């Protein structure tokens, strides 16, 4: 028997970042920091994948390929803007 379910991006994000914040209690923080490292590895990989999609499709002529590049570029620029705001805080 095959069970199929739909999962939203919010559900995935909530599952990934659940229990990643430290509380100041050694045992909890050890576990939350380990999970945070896993999440950051996933995020880094996903950003690399999105960048690859942009680079591979930005000069293509097909409408769907250009759309993929545009979607990727939009999120990459959004991340860049967030990081610029972050760096200005320090």
PDB file of N, CA and C in Angstrom:
ATOM      1  N   UNK A   1       0.845  -1.174   0.000  1.00  0.00           N
ATOM      2  CA  UNK A   1       0.000   0.000   0.000  1.00  0.00           C
ATOM      3  C   UNK A   1       0.890   1.237   0.000  1.00  0.00           C
ATOM      4  N   UNK A   2       0.549   2.199  -0.826  1.00  0.00           N
ATOM      5  CA  UNK A   2       1.308   3.430  -0.943  1.00  0.00           C
ATOM      6  C   UNK A   2       0.490   4.568  -0.347  1.00  0.00           C
ATOM      7  N   UNK A   3       1.100   5.326   0.552  1.00  0.00           N
ATOM      8  CA  UNK A   3       0.444   6.484   1.142  1.00  0.00           C
ATOM      9  C   UNK A   3       1.121   7.731   0.588  1.00  0.00           C
ATOM     10  N   UNK A   4       0.322   8.616   0.050  1.00  0.00           N
ATOM     11  CA  UNK A   4       0.835   9.858  -0.515  1.00  0.00           C
ATOM     12  C   UNK A   4       0.268  11.016   0.284  1.00  0.00           C
ATOM     13  N   UNK A   5       1.138  11.945   0.641  1.00  0.00           N
ATOM     14  CA  UNK A   5       0.690  13.108   1.375  1.00  0.00           C
ATOM     15  C   UNK A   5       1.397  14.343   0.823  1.00  0.00           C
ATOM     16  N   UNK A   6       0.768  15.472   0.962  1.00  0.00           N
ATOM     17  CA  UNK A   6       1.377  16.714   0.535  1.00  0.00           C
ATOM     18  C   UNK A   6       1.959  17.408   1.757  1.00  0.00           C
ATOM     19  N   UNK A   7       3.138  17.958   1.583  1.00  0.00           N
ATOM     20  CA  UNK A   7       3.808  18.670   2.657  1.00  0.00           C
ATOM     21  C   UNK A   7       4.150  20.061   2.142  1.00  0.00           C
ATOM     22  N   UNK A   8       3.807  21.066   2.907  1.00  0.00           N
ATOM     23  CA  UNK A   8       4.083  22.437   2.486  1.00  0.00           C
ATOM     24  C   UNK A   8       5.518  22.823   2.833  1.00  0.00           C
ATOM     25  N   UNK A   9       5.992  23.866   2.198  1.00  0.00           N
ATOM     26  CA  UNK A   9       7.346  24.347   2.505  1.00  0.00           C
ATOM     27  C   UNK A   9       7.429  24.818   3.949  1.00  0.00           C
ATOM     28  N   UNK A  10       6.323  25.341   4.482  1.00  0.00           N
ATOM     29  CA  UNK A  10       6.300  25.747   5.889  1.00  0.00           C
ATOM     30  C   UNK A  10       6.460  24.540   6.804  1.00  0.00           C
ATOM     31  N   UNK A  11       5.813  23.415   6.448  1.00  0.00           N
ATOM     32  CA  UNK A  11       5.948  22.188   7.246  1.00  0.00           C
ATOM     33  C   UNK A  11       7.388  21.683   7.237  1.00  0.00           C
ATOM     34  N   UNK A  12       7.997  21.705   6.075  1.00  0.00           N
ATOM     35  CA  UNK A  12       9.383  21.244   5.961  1.00  0.00           C
ATOM     36  C   UNK A  12      10.297  22.141   6.789  1.00  0.00           C
ATOM     37  N   UNK A  13      10.122  23.446   6.655  1.00  0.00           N
ATOM     38  CA  UNK A  13      10.949  24.388   7.404  1.00  0.00           C
ATOM     39  C   UNK A  13      10.768  24.206   8.903  1.00  0.00           C
ATOM     40  N   UNK A  14       9.528  24.080   9.350  1.00  0.00           N
ATOM     41  CA  UNK A  14       9.264  23.888  10.782  1.00  0.00           C
ATOM     42  C   UNK A  14       9.932  22.621  11.293  1.00  0.00           C
ATOM     43  N   UNK A  15       9.892  21.561  10.516  1.00  0.00           N
ATOM     44  CA  UNK A  15      10.529  20.306  10.919  1.00  0.00           C
ATOM     45  C   UNK A  15      12.047  20.466  10.991  1.00  0.00           C
ATOM     46  N   UNK A  16      12.621  21.161  10.031  1.00  0.00           N
ATOM     47  CA  UNK A  16      14.075  21.334  10.013  1.00  0.00           C
ATOM     48  C   UNK A  16      14.577  22.178  11.178  1.00  0.00           C
ATOM     49  N   UNK A  17      13.922  23.286  11.450  1.00  0.00           N
ATOM     50  CA  UNK A  17      14.446  24.209  12.458  1.00  0.00           C
ATOM     51  C   UNK A  17      13.932  23.926  13.864  1.00  0.00           C
ATOM     52  N   UNK A  18      13.047  22.962  14.010  1.00  0.00           N
ATOM     53  CA  UNK A  18      12.557  22.597  15.338  1.00  0.00           C
ATOM     54  C   UNK A  18      13.724  22.168  16.223  1.00  0.00           C
ATOM     55  N   UNK A  19      13.792  22.708  17.413  1.00  0.00           N
ATOM     56  CA  UNK A  19      14.833  22.368  18.398  1.00  0.00           C
ATOM     57  C   UNK A  19      16.238  22.745  17.956  1.00  0.00           C
ATOM     58  N   UNK A  20      16.386  23.850  17.232  1.00  0.00           N
ATOM     59  CA  UNK A  20      17.723  24.289  16.848  1.00  0.00           C
ATOM     60  C   UNK A  20      18.203  25.490  17.656  1.00  0.00           C
ATOM     61  N   UNK A  21      17.369  25.999  18.555  1.00  0.00           N
ATOM     62  CA  UNK A  21      17.752  27.155  19.363  1.00  0.00           C
ATOM     63  C   UNK A  21      18.306  26.710  20.709  1.00  0.00           C
ATOM     64  N   UNK A  22      19.439  27.286  21.123  1.00  0.00           N
ATOM     65  CA  UNK A  22      19.996  26.941  22.432  1.00  0.00           C
ATOM     66  C   UNK A  22      19.176  27.563  23.563  1.00  0.00           C
ATOM     67  N   UNK A  23      19.220  26.915  24.719  1.00  0.00           N
ATOM     68  CA  UNK A  23      18.506  27.410  25.903  1.00  0.00           C
ATOM     69  C   UNK A  23      19.468  27.795  27.028  1.00  0.00           C
ATOM     70  N   UNK A  24      20.741  27.468  26.874  1.00  0.00           N
ATOM     71  CA  UNK A  24      21.683  27.717  27.952  1.00  0.00           C
ATOM     72  C   UNK A  24      21.849  26.511  28.866  1.00  0.00           C
ATOM     73  N   UNK A  25      21.272  25.399  28.477  1.00  0.00           N
ATOM     74  CA  UNK A  25      21.395  24.147  29.245  1.00  0.00           C
ATOM     75  C   UNK A  25      22.263  23.215  28.404  1.00  0.00           C
ATOM     76  N   UNK A  26      23.362  22.767  28.959  1.00  0.00           N
ATOM     77  CA  UNK A  26      24.415  22.074  28.218  1.00  0.00           C
ATOM     78  C   UNK A  26      23.923  20.919  27.360  1.00  0.00           C
ATOM     79  N   UNK A  27      23.174  20.006  27.919  1.00  0.00           N
ATOM     80  CA  UNK A  27      22.741  18.833  27.151  1.00  0.00           C
ATOM     81  C   UNK A  27      21.821  19.231  26.002  1.00  0.00           C
ATOM     82  N   UNK A  28      20.858  20.094  26.296  1.00  0.00           N
ATOM     83  CA  UNK A  28      19.947  20.553  25.236  1.00  0.00           C
ATOM     84  C   UNK A  28      20.734  21.278  24.147  1.00  0.00           C
ATOM     85  N   UNK A  29      21.620  22.170  24.566  1.00  0.00           N
ATOM     86  CA  UNK A  29      22.360  22.982  23.603  1.00  0.00           C
ATOM     87  C   UNK A  29      23.281  22.128  22.730  1.00  0.00           C
ATOM     88  N   UNK A  30      23.848  21.078  23.278  1.00  0.00           N
ATOM     89  CA  UNK A  30      24.691  20.177  22.489  1.00  0.00           C
ATOM     90  C   UNK A  30      23.861  19.557  21.360  1.00  0.00           C
ATOM     91  N   UNK A  31      22.664  19.110  21.707  1.00  0.00           N
ATOM     92  CA  UNK A  31      21.780  18.506  20.701  1.00  0.00           C
ATOM     93  C   UNK A  31      21.268  19.549  19.708  1.00  0.00           C
ATOM     94  N   UNK A  32      20.870  20.726  20.224  1.00  0.00           N
ATOM     95  CA  UNK A  32      20.337  21.749  19.308  1.00  0.00           C
ATOM     96  C   UNK A  32      21.422  22.261  18.371  1.00  0.00           C
ATOM     97  N   UNK A  33      22.650  22.393  18.845  1.00  0.00           N
ATOM     98  CA  UNK A  33      23.737  22.845  17.972  1.00  0.00           C
ATOM     99  C   UNK A  33      24.081  21.790  16.928  1.00  0.00           C
ATOM    100  N   UNK A  34      24.007  20.515  17.291  1.00  0.00           N
ATOM    101  CA  UNK A  34      24.240  19.449  16.307  1.00  0.00           C
ATOM    102  C   UNK A  34      23.170  19.502  15.223  1.00  0.00           C
ATOM    103  N   UNK A  35      21.923  19.710  15.621  1.00  0.00           N
ATOM    104  CA  UNK A  35      20.847  19.804  14.632  1.00  0.00           C
ATOM    105  C   UNK A  35      21.005  21.060  13.786  1.00  0.00           C
ATOM    106  N   UNK A  36      21.420  22.153  14.407  1.00  0.00           N
ATOM    107  CA  UNK A  36      21.647  23.395  13.666  1.00  0.00           C
ATOM    108  C   UNK A  36      22.732  23.204  12.609  1.00  0.00           C
ATOM    109  N   UNK A  37      23.790  22.463  12.954  1.00  0.00           N
ATOM    110  CA  UNK A  37      24.835  22.173  11.955  1.00  0.00           C
ATOM    111  C   UNK A  37      24.259  21.393  10.772  1.00  0.00           C
ATOM    112  N   UNK A  38      23.396  20.436  11.047  1.00  0.00           N
ATOM    113  CA  UNK A  38      22.768  19.670   9.967  1.00  0.00           C
ATOM    114  C   UNK A  38      21.914  20.577   9.088  1.00  0.00           C
ATOM    115  N   UNK A  39      21.139  21.460   9.730  1.00  0.00           N
ATOM    116  CA  UNK A  39      20.275  22.377   8.982  1.00  0.00           C
ATOM    117  C   UNK A  39      21.118  23.309   8.119  1.00  0.00           C
ATOM    118  N   UNK A  40      22.215  23.836   8.659  1.00  0.00           N
ATOM    119  CA  UNK A  40      23.043  24.744   7.865  1.00  0.00           C
ATOM    120  C   UNK A  40      23.691  24.020   6.691  1.00  0.00           C
ATOM    121  N   UNK A  41      24.028  22.750   6.867  1.00  0.00           N
ATOM    122  CA  UNK A  41      24.547  21.963   5.738  1.00  0.00           C
ATOM    123  C   UNK A  41      23.499  21.836   4.638  1.00  0.00           C
ATOM    124  N   UNK A  42      22.256  21.596   5.030  1.00  0.00           N
ATOM    125  CA  UNK A  42      21.156  21.480   4.064  1.00  0.00           C
ATOM    126  C   UNK A  42      20.940  22.808   3.346  1.00  0.00           C
ATOM    127  N   UNK A  43      20.932  23.902   4.099  1.00  0.00           N
ATOM    128  CA  UNK A  43      20.717  25.223   3.508  1.00  0.00           C
ATOM    129  C   UNK A  43      21.833  25.551   2.520  1.00  0.00           C
ATOM    130  N   UNK A  44      23.059  25.290   2.916  1.00  0.00           N
ATOM    131  CA  UNK A  44      24.198  25.551   2.031  1.00  0.00           C
ATOM    132  C   UNK A  44      24.082  24.752   0.728  1.00  0.00           C
ATOM    133  N   UNK A  45      23.689  23.500   0.849  1.00  0.00           N
ATOM    134  CA  UNK A  45      23.516  22.651  -0.334  1.00  0.00           C
ATOM    135  C   UNK A  45      22.388  23.170  -1.220  1.00  0.00           C
ATOM    136  N   UNK A  46      21.304  23.590  -0.609  1.00  0.00           N
ATOM    137  CA  UNK A  46      20.165  24.092  -1.381  1.00  0.00           C
ATOM    138  C   UNK A  46      20.527  25.380  -2.119  1.00  0.00           C
ATOM    139  N   UNK A  47      21.261  26.268  -1.460  1.00  0.00           N
ATOM    140  CA  UNK A  47      21.681  27.509  -2.119  1.00  0.00           C
ATOM    141  C   UNK A  47      22.595  27.189  -3.296  1.00  0.00           C
ATOM    142  N   UNK A  48      23.504  26.247  -3.117  1.00  0.00           N
ATOM    143  CA  UNK A  48      24.384  25.835  -4.221  1.00  0.00           C
ATOM    144  C   UNK A  48      23.576  25.280  -5.388  1.00  0.00           C
ATOM    145  N   UNK A  49      22.546  24.494  -5.077  1.00  0.00           N
ATOM    146  CA  UNK A  49      21.693  23.932  -6.131  1.00  0.00           C
ATOM    147  C   UNK A  49      20.943  25.027  -6.881  1.00  0.00           C
ATOM    148  N   UNK A  50      20.426  26.007  -6.153  1.00  0.00           N
ATOM    149  CA  UNK A  50      19.693  27.109  -6.787  1.00  0.00           C
ATOM    150  C   UNK A  50      20.642  27.932  -7.652  1.00  0.00           C
ATOM    151  N   UNK A  51      21.851  28.176  -7.165  1.00  0.00           N
ATOM    152  CA  UNK A  51      22.844  28.901  -7.960  1.00  0.00           C
ATOM    153  C   UNK A  51      23.173  28.135  -9.233  1.00  0.00           C
ATOM    154  N   UNK A  52      23.321  26.822  -9.128  1.00  0.00           N
ATOM    155  CA  UNK A  52      23.599  25.990 -10.305  1.00  0.00           C
ATOM    156  C   UNK A  52      22.459  26.100 -11.312  1.00  0.00           C
ATOM    157  N   UNK A  53      21.223  26.060 -10.836  1.00  0.00           N
ATOM    158  CA  UNK A  53      20.061  26.180 -11.729  1.00  0.00           C
ATOM    159  C   UNK A  53      20.111  27.519 -12.463  1.00  0.00           C
ATOM    160  N   UNK A  54      20.416  28.583 -11.737  1.00  0.00           N
ATOM    161  CA  UNK A  54      20.514  29.894 -12.377  1.00  0.00           C
ATOM    162  C   UNK A  54      21.611  29.898 -13.451  1.00  0.00           C
ATOM    163  N   UNK A  55      22.800  29.441 -13.070  1.00  0.00           N
ATOM    164  CA  UNK A  55      23.934  29.481 -13.994  1.00  0.00           C
ATOM    165  C   UNK A  55      23.698  28.626 -15.240  1.00  0.00           C
ATOM    166  N   UNK A  56      23.048  27.495 -15.090  1.00  0.00           N
ATOM    167  CA  UNK A  56      22.816  26.593 -16.216  1.00  0.00           C
ATOM    168  C   UNK A  56      21.720  27.083 -17.155  1.00  0.00           C
ATOM    169  N   UNK A  57      20.822  27.933 -16.663  1.00  0.00           N
ATOM    170  CA  UNK A  57      19.640  28.290 -17.449  1.00  0.00           C
ATOM    171  C   UNK A  57      19.523  29.758 -17.831  1.00  0.00           C
ATOM    172  N   UNK A  58      20.374  30.622 -17.323  1.00  0.00           N
ATOM    173  CA  UNK A  58      20.233  32.063 -17.549  1.00  0.00           C
ATOM    174  C   UNK A  58      20.343  32.467 -19.014  1.00  0.00           C
ATOM    175  N   UNK A  59      21.089  31.716 -19.786  1.00  0.00           N
ATOM    176  CA  UNK A  59      21.276  32.075 -21.201  1.00  0.00           C
ATOM    177  C   UNK A  59      20.493  31.177 -22.159  1.00  0.00           C
ATOM    178  N   UNK A  60      19.607  30.363 -21.627  1.00  0.00           N
ATOM    179  CA  UNK A  60      18.820  29.455 -22.468  1.00  0.00           C
ATOM    180  C   UNK A  60      17.706  30.227 -23.169  1.00  0.00           C
ATOM    181  N   UNK A  61      17.242  29.702 -24.298  1.00  0.00           N
ATOM    182  CA  UNK A  61      16.190  30.355 -25.066  1.00  0.00           C
ATOM    183  C   UNK A  61      14.790  29.868 -24.716  1.00  0.00           C
ATOM    184  N   UNK A  62      14.696  28.659 -24.159  1.00  0.00           N
ATOM    185  CA  UNK A  62      13.379  28.105 -23.847  1.00  0.00           C
ATOM    186  C   UNK A  62      12.738  28.879 -22.691  1.00  0.00           C
ATOM    187  N   UNK A  63      11.446  29.162 -22.841  1.00  0.00           N
ATOM    188  CA  UNK A  63      10.737  29.961 -21.838  1.00  0.00           C
ATOM    189  C   UNK A  63      10.795  29.329 -20.452  1.00  0.00           C
ATOM    190  N   UNK A  64      10.629  28.016 -20.378  1.00  0.00           N
ATOM    191  CA  UNK A  64      10.643  27.356 -19.069  1.00  0.00           C
ATOM    192  C   UNK A  64      12.022  27.415 -18.428  1.00  0.00           C
ATOM    193  N   UNK A  65      13.075  27.363 -19.222  1.00  0.00           N
ATOM    194  CA  UNK A  65      14.435  27.459 -18.705  1.00  0.00           C
ATOM    195  C   UNK A  65      14.718  28.872 -18.201  1.00  0.00           C
ATOM    196  N   UNK A  66      14.278  29.864 -18.977  1.00  0.00           N
ATOM    197  CA  UNK A  66      14.428  31.252 -18.540  1.00  0.00           C
ATOM    198  C   UNK A  66      13.643  31.497 -17.257  1.00  0.00           C
ATOM    199  N   UNK A  67      12.450  30.912 -17.156  1.00  0.00           N
ATOM    200  CA  UNK A  67      11.647  31.065 -15.947  1.00  0.00           C
ATOM    201  C   UNK A  67      12.366  30.452 -14.744  1.00  0.00           C
ATOM    202  N   UNK A  68      12.957  29.291 -14.916  1.00  0.00           N
ATOM    203  CA  UNK A  68      13.714  28.656 -13.827  1.00  0.00           C
ATOM    204  C   UNK A  68      14.864  29.559 -13.391  1.00  0.00           C
ATOM    205  N   UNK A  69      15.570  30.142 -14.362  1.00  0.00           N
ATOM    206  CA  UNK A  69      16.670  31.059 -14.041  1.00  0.00           C
ATOM    207  C   UNK A  69      16.153  32.286 -13.305  1.00  0.00           C
ATOM    208  N   UNK A  70      15.019  32.817 -13.734  1.00  0.00           N
ATOM    209  CA  UNK A  70      14.436  33.991 -13.079  1.00  0.00           C
ATOM    210  C   UNK A  70      14.028  33.679 -11.641  1.00  0.00           C
ATOM    211  N   UNK A  71      13.425  32.517 -11.421  1.00  0.00           N
ATOM    212  CA  UNK A  71      13.028  32.105 -10.069  1.00  0.00           C
ATOM    213  C   UNK A  71      14.276  31.990  -9.190  1.00  0.00           C
ATOM    214  N   UNK A  72      15.290  31.331  -9.710  1.00  0.00           N
ATOM    215  CA  UNK A  72      16.527  31.145  -8.952  1.00  0.00           C
ATOM    216  C   UNK A  72      17.190  32.495  -8.662  1.00  0.00           C
ATOM    217  N   UNK A  73      17.250  33.357  -9.669  1.00  0.00           N
ATOM    218  CA  UNK A  73      17.878  34.671  -9.485  1.00  0.00           C
ATOM    219  C   UNK A  73      17.134  35.478  -8.431  1.00  0.00           C
ATOM    220  N   UNK A  74      15.827  35.435  -8.458  1.00  0.00           N
ATOM    221  CA  UNK A  74      15.024  36.179  -7.490  1.00  0.00           C
ATOM    222  C   UNK A  74      15.366  35.769  -6.058  1.00  0.00           C
ATOM    223  N   UNK A  75      15.413  34.478  -5.801  1.00  0.00           N
ATOM    224  CA  UNK A  75      15.695  34.029  -4.432  1.00  0.00           C
ATOM    225  C   UNK A  75      17.147  34.309  -4.054  1.00  0.00           C
ATOM    226  N   UNK A  76      18.074  34.177  -4.993  1.00  0.00           N
ATOM    227  CA  UNK A  76      19.473  34.471  -4.692  1.00  0.00           C
ATOM    228  C   UNK A  76      19.666  35.948  -4.354  1.00  0.00           C
ATOM    229  N   UNK A  77      19.001  36.824  -5.084  1.00  0.00           N
ATOM    230  CA  UNK A  77      19.103  38.253  -4.784  1.00  0.00           C
ATOM    231  C   UNK A  77      18.449  38.585  -3.447  1.00  0.00           C
ATOM    232  N   UNK A  78      17.380  37.895  -3.128  1.00  0.00           N
ATOM    233  CA  UNK A  78      16.723  38.088  -1.838  1.00  0.00           C
ATOM    234  C   UNK A  78      17.652  37.666  -0.692  1.00  0.00           C
ATOM    235  N   UNK A  79      18.324  36.536  -0.861  1.00  0.00           N
ATOM    236  CA  UNK A  79      19.283  36.070   0.139  1.00  0.00           C
ATOM    237  C   UNK A  79      20.424  37.073   0.271  1.00  0.00           C
ATOM    238  N   UNK A  80      20.908  37.564  -0.867  1.00  0.00           N
ATOM    239  CA  UNK A  80      21.991  38.551  -0.863  1.00  0.00           C
ATOM    240  C   UNK A  80      21.579  39.793  -0.075  1.00  0.00           C
ATOM    241  N   UNK A  81      20.368  40.268  -0.322  1.00  0.00           N
ATOM    242  CA  UNK A  81      19.866  41.452   0.376  1.00  0.00           C
ATOM    243  C   UNK A  81      19.783  41.202   1.887  1.00  0.00           C
ATOM    244  N   UNK A  82      19.275  40.029   2.267  1.00  0.00           N
ATOM    245  CA  UNK A  82      19.194  39.683   3.686  1.00  0.00           C
ATOM    246  C   UNK A  82      20.573  39.651   4.322  1.00  0.00           C
ATOM    247  N   UNK A  83      21.553  39.115   3.616  1.00  0.00           N
ATOM    248  CA  UNK A  83      22.916  39.041   4.142  1.00  0.00           C
ATOM    249  C   UNK A  83      23.551  40.424   4.245  1.00  0.00           C
ATOM    250  N   UNK A  84      23.237  41.293   3.288  1.00  0.00           N
ATOM    251  CA  UNK A  84      23.751  42.658   3.363  1.00  0.00           C
ATOM    252  C   UNK A  84      23.164  43.377   4.575  1.00  0.00           C
ATOM    253  N   UNK A  85      21.862  43.186   4.830  1.00  0.00           N
ATOM    254  CA  UNK A  85      21.231  43.772   6.018  1.00  0.00           C
ATOM    255  C   UNK A  85      21.868  43.209   7.284  1.00  0.00           C
ATOM    256  N   UNK A  86      22.151  41.907   7.286  1.00  0.00           N
ATOM    257  CA  UNK A  86      22.775  41.242   8.416  1.00  0.00           C
ATOM    258  C   UNK A  86      24.163  41.812   8.684  1.00  0.00           C
ATOM    259  N   UNK A  87      24.950  42.017   7.643  1.00  0.00           N
ATOM    260  CA  UNK A  87      26.312  42.500   7.826  1.00  0.00           C
ATOM    261  C   UNK A  87      26.333  43.946   8.304  1.00  0.00           C
ATOM    262  N   UNK A  88      25.295  44.699   8.003  1.00  0.00           N
ATOM    263  CA  UNK A  88      25.213  46.089   8.448  1.00  0.00           C
ATOM    264  C   UNK A  88      24.896  46.198   9.931  1.00  0.00           C
ATOM    265  N   UNK A  89      24.348  45.127  10.526  1.00  0.00           N
ATOM    266  CA  UNK A  89      24.007  45.148  11.945  1.00  0.00           C
ATOM    267  C   UNK A  89      25.241  45.122  12.825  1.00  0.00           C
ATOM    268  N   UNK A  90      26.323  44.541  12.334  1.00  0.00           N
ATOM    269  CA  UNK A  90      27.537  44.405  13.163  1.00  0.00           C
ATOM    270  C   UNK A  90      28.388  45.621  13.166  1.00  0.00           C
TER     271      UNK A  90
END
